[in-house]
Amino acid sequence: MNSSLGLSRDGYGNFVLEQVAKDAGYARGVLYHHDTSSRNVTESIMKVGMIASHYPHPSHREEFISRVHRVRKEFLRTPGCLSADYWVSADGDAVISIVQWESEEASAASFAAVQAAGFALDLAYDERESRPREIVRLVAP
């Protein structure tokens, strides 16, 4: 069963197991026999991920949040991006992006789409940040 179609089309936040079953031509119960939740389905598909922590100076925080939001939307438009979200730490010091893809190729396509949309991937530390960014690439075991 290919549940990545639903994740690519709808994103994790709108992922519904009933739709996956319908897309595959099965009854909902068949999915629950194999995977007990949407999270299990996502974890069985996700092969590549990224957690990026940005530490903007307070005067640049809203700029970072806005930019991360726009990049998130572009990531989600690319096939194979399973989920993309961002958070602000409770103390407000960090803007954190979390993205999951079904493959290295999907990850590369997402970054290419972001650049094609005019978002320069400025990974260099600069005066807008209080400390360097931390980017952690993840791979499924």
Protein backbone atom coordinates (compact mmCIF):
# COMPACT_ATOMS: atom_id res chain seq x y z
CA MET A 1 0.00 0.00 0.00
CA ASN A 2 1.40 3.42 -0.92
CA SER A 3 0.32 5.85 1.77
CA SER A 4 2.95 8.37 0.65
CA LEU A 5 0.54 9.61 -2.03
CA GLY A 6 -1.86 10.89 0.64
CA LEU A 7 0.94 12.38 2.70
CA SER A 8 2.45 14.13 -0.31
CA ARG A 9 -0.94 15.41 -1.41
CA ASP A 10 -2.45 16.32 1.95
CA GLY A 11 0.47 16.69 4.40
CA TYR A 12 0.69 15.04 7.80
CA GLY A 13 -1.73 17.47 9.46
CA ASN A 14 -4.51 16.48 7.03
CA PHE A 15 -3.53 12.84 6.70
CA VAL A 16 -6.55 10.59 7.14
CA LEU A 17 -6.22 6.81 7.20
CA GLU A 18 -9.70 6.35 5.76
CA GLN A 19 -8.60 8.28 2.64
CA VAL A 20 -5.47 6.13 2.31
CA ALA A 21 -7.63 3.01 2.40
CA LYS A 22 -10.02 4.49 -0.16
CA ASP A 23 -7.14 5.55 -2.45
CA ALA A 24 -5.74 2.02 -2.27
CA GLY A 25 -9.12 0.35 -2.79
CA TYR A 26 -9.23 -1.25 0.66
CA ALA A 27 -11.49 -1.13 3.69
CA ARG A 28 -10.21 0.96 6.61
CA GLY A 29 -9.76 -2.13 8.79
CA VAL A 30 -7.01 -3.46 6.52
CA LEU A 31 -4.84 -0.46 7.42
CA TYR A 32 -5.37 -0.93 11.12
CA HIS A 33 -4.29 -4.54 10.74
CA HIS A 34 -0.90 -3.27 9.50
CA ASP A 35 -0.54 0.19 11.08
CA THR A 36 -2.41 1.34 14.16
CA SER A 37 -2.14 5.09 13.56
CA SER A 38 -1.31 7.84 11.08
CA ARG A 39 1.96 8.30 12.97
CA ASN A 40 2.96 4.67 12.33
CA VAL A 41 2.21 5.08 8.63
CA THR A 42 4.32 8.25 8.48
CA GLU A 43 7.20 6.63 10.34
CA SER A 44 7.17 3.68 7.96
CA ILE A 45 7.50 6.05 4.97
CA MET A 46 9.79 8.82 6.24
CA LYS A 47 13.36 8.20 5.18
CA VAL A 48 14.94 11.66 5.52
CA GLY A 49 14.35 14.53 7.91
CA MET A 50 15.80 17.80 9.05
CA ILE A 51 15.66 19.87 12.20
CA ALA A 52 16.96 23.41 11.78
CA SER A 53 17.30 25.72 14.76
CA HIS A 54 17.68 29.43 14.07
CA TYR A 55 18.63 31.89 16.81
CA PRO A 56 17.63 35.35 15.58
CA HIS A 57 18.28 38.52 17.54
CA PRO A 58 14.97 39.80 18.94
CA SER A 59 14.91 42.60 16.34
CA HIS A 60 14.95 39.95 13.55
CA ARG A 61 12.69 37.31 15.13
CA GLU A 62 9.53 38.20 13.17
CA GLU A 63 11.54 38.29 9.92
CA PHE A 64 12.83 34.75 10.61
CA ILE A 65 9.38 33.47 11.52
CA SER A 66 7.87 34.94 8.36
CA ARG A 67 10.62 33.53 6.17
CA VAL A 68 10.45 30.07 7.74
CA HIS A 69 6.67 30.10 7.22
CA ARG A 70 7.08 30.89 3.50
CA VAL A 71 9.78 28.25 3.05
CA ARG A 72 7.53 25.72 4.83
CA LYS A 73 4.73 26.39 2.34
CA GLU A 74 7.11 25.88 -0.58
CA PHE A 75 8.43 22.62 0.90
CA LEU A 76 4.89 21.31 1.28
CA ARG A 77 4.17 21.98 -2.41
CA THR A 78 6.87 19.55 -3.52
CA PRO A 79 6.07 15.87 -4.04
CA GLY A 80 7.62 13.63 -1.42
CA CYS A 81 7.60 16.21 1.38
CA LEU A 82 5.63 14.41 4.06
CA SER A 83 5.48 17.23 6.58
CA ALA A 84 6.99 20.61 7.31
CA ASP A 85 6.37 22.66 10.40
CA TYR A 86 8.04 25.27 12.53
CA TRP A 87 7.98 26.24 16.16
CA VAL A 88 9.23 29.02 18.38
CA SER A 89 10.91 27.90 21.59
CA ALA A 90 9.07 28.72 24.82
CA ASP A 91 11.67 31.32 25.73
CA GLY A 92 11.40 32.87 22.23
CA ASP A 93 15.11 32.46 21.54
CA ALA A 94 14.86 29.89 18.73
CA VAL A 95 12.82 29.35 15.56
CA ILE A 96 12.85 25.63 14.82
CA SER A 97 11.94 23.97 11.51
CA ILE A 98 11.13 20.27 11.29
CA VAL A 99 10.74 18.65 7.86
CA GLN A 100 10.23 15.03 6.77
CA TRP A 101 10.65 13.60 3.26
CA GLU A 102 10.12 10.18 1.79
CA SER A 103 13.56 10.14 0.12
CA GLU A 104 16.82 12.01 -0.42
CA GLU A 105 15.54 12.87 -3.91
CA ALA A 106 12.39 14.46 -2.44
CA SER A 107 14.53 16.45 -0.02
CA ALA A 108 16.75 17.71 -2.84
CA ALA A 109 13.65 18.58 -4.91
CA SER A 110 12.23 20.59 -2.00
CA PHE A 111 15.42 22.60 -1.61
CA ALA A 112 15.57 23.18 -5.38
CA ALA A 113 11.93 24.38 -5.34
CA VAL A 114 12.69 26.77 -2.49
CA GLN A 115 15.61 28.24 -4.42
CA ALA A 116 13.56 28.42 -7.66
CA ALA A 117 10.88 30.33 -5.75
CA GLY A 118 13.46 32.98 -4.93
CA PHE A 119 14.38 31.98 -1.39
CA ALA A 120 18.15 32.06 -1.17
CA LEU A 121 19.22 29.40 1.29
CA ASP A 122 21.45 31.67 3.32
CA LEU A 123 22.98 29.16 5.67
CA ALA A 124 25.84 31.39 6.73
CA TYR A 125 25.82 32.90 10.19
CA ASP A 126 25.32 36.67 10.02
CA GLU A 127 24.50 39.74 12.12
CA ARG A 128 20.78 38.86 12.27
CA GLU A 129 21.52 35.91 14.55
CA SER A 130 22.69 35.69 18.13
CA ARG A 131 24.51 32.41 17.41
CA PRO A 132 25.05 30.05 14.45
CA ARG A 133 22.20 27.91 13.19
CA GLU A 134 22.12 24.24 14.01
CA ILE A 135 20.97 21.97 11.21
CA VAL A 136 20.60 18.26 11.89
CA ARG A 137 19.88 15.88 9.00
CA LEU A 138 18.03 12.72 9.96
CA VAL A 139 17.82 9.35 8.24
CA ALA A 140 15.56 6.44 9.06
CA PRO A 141 17.33 3.39 10.52
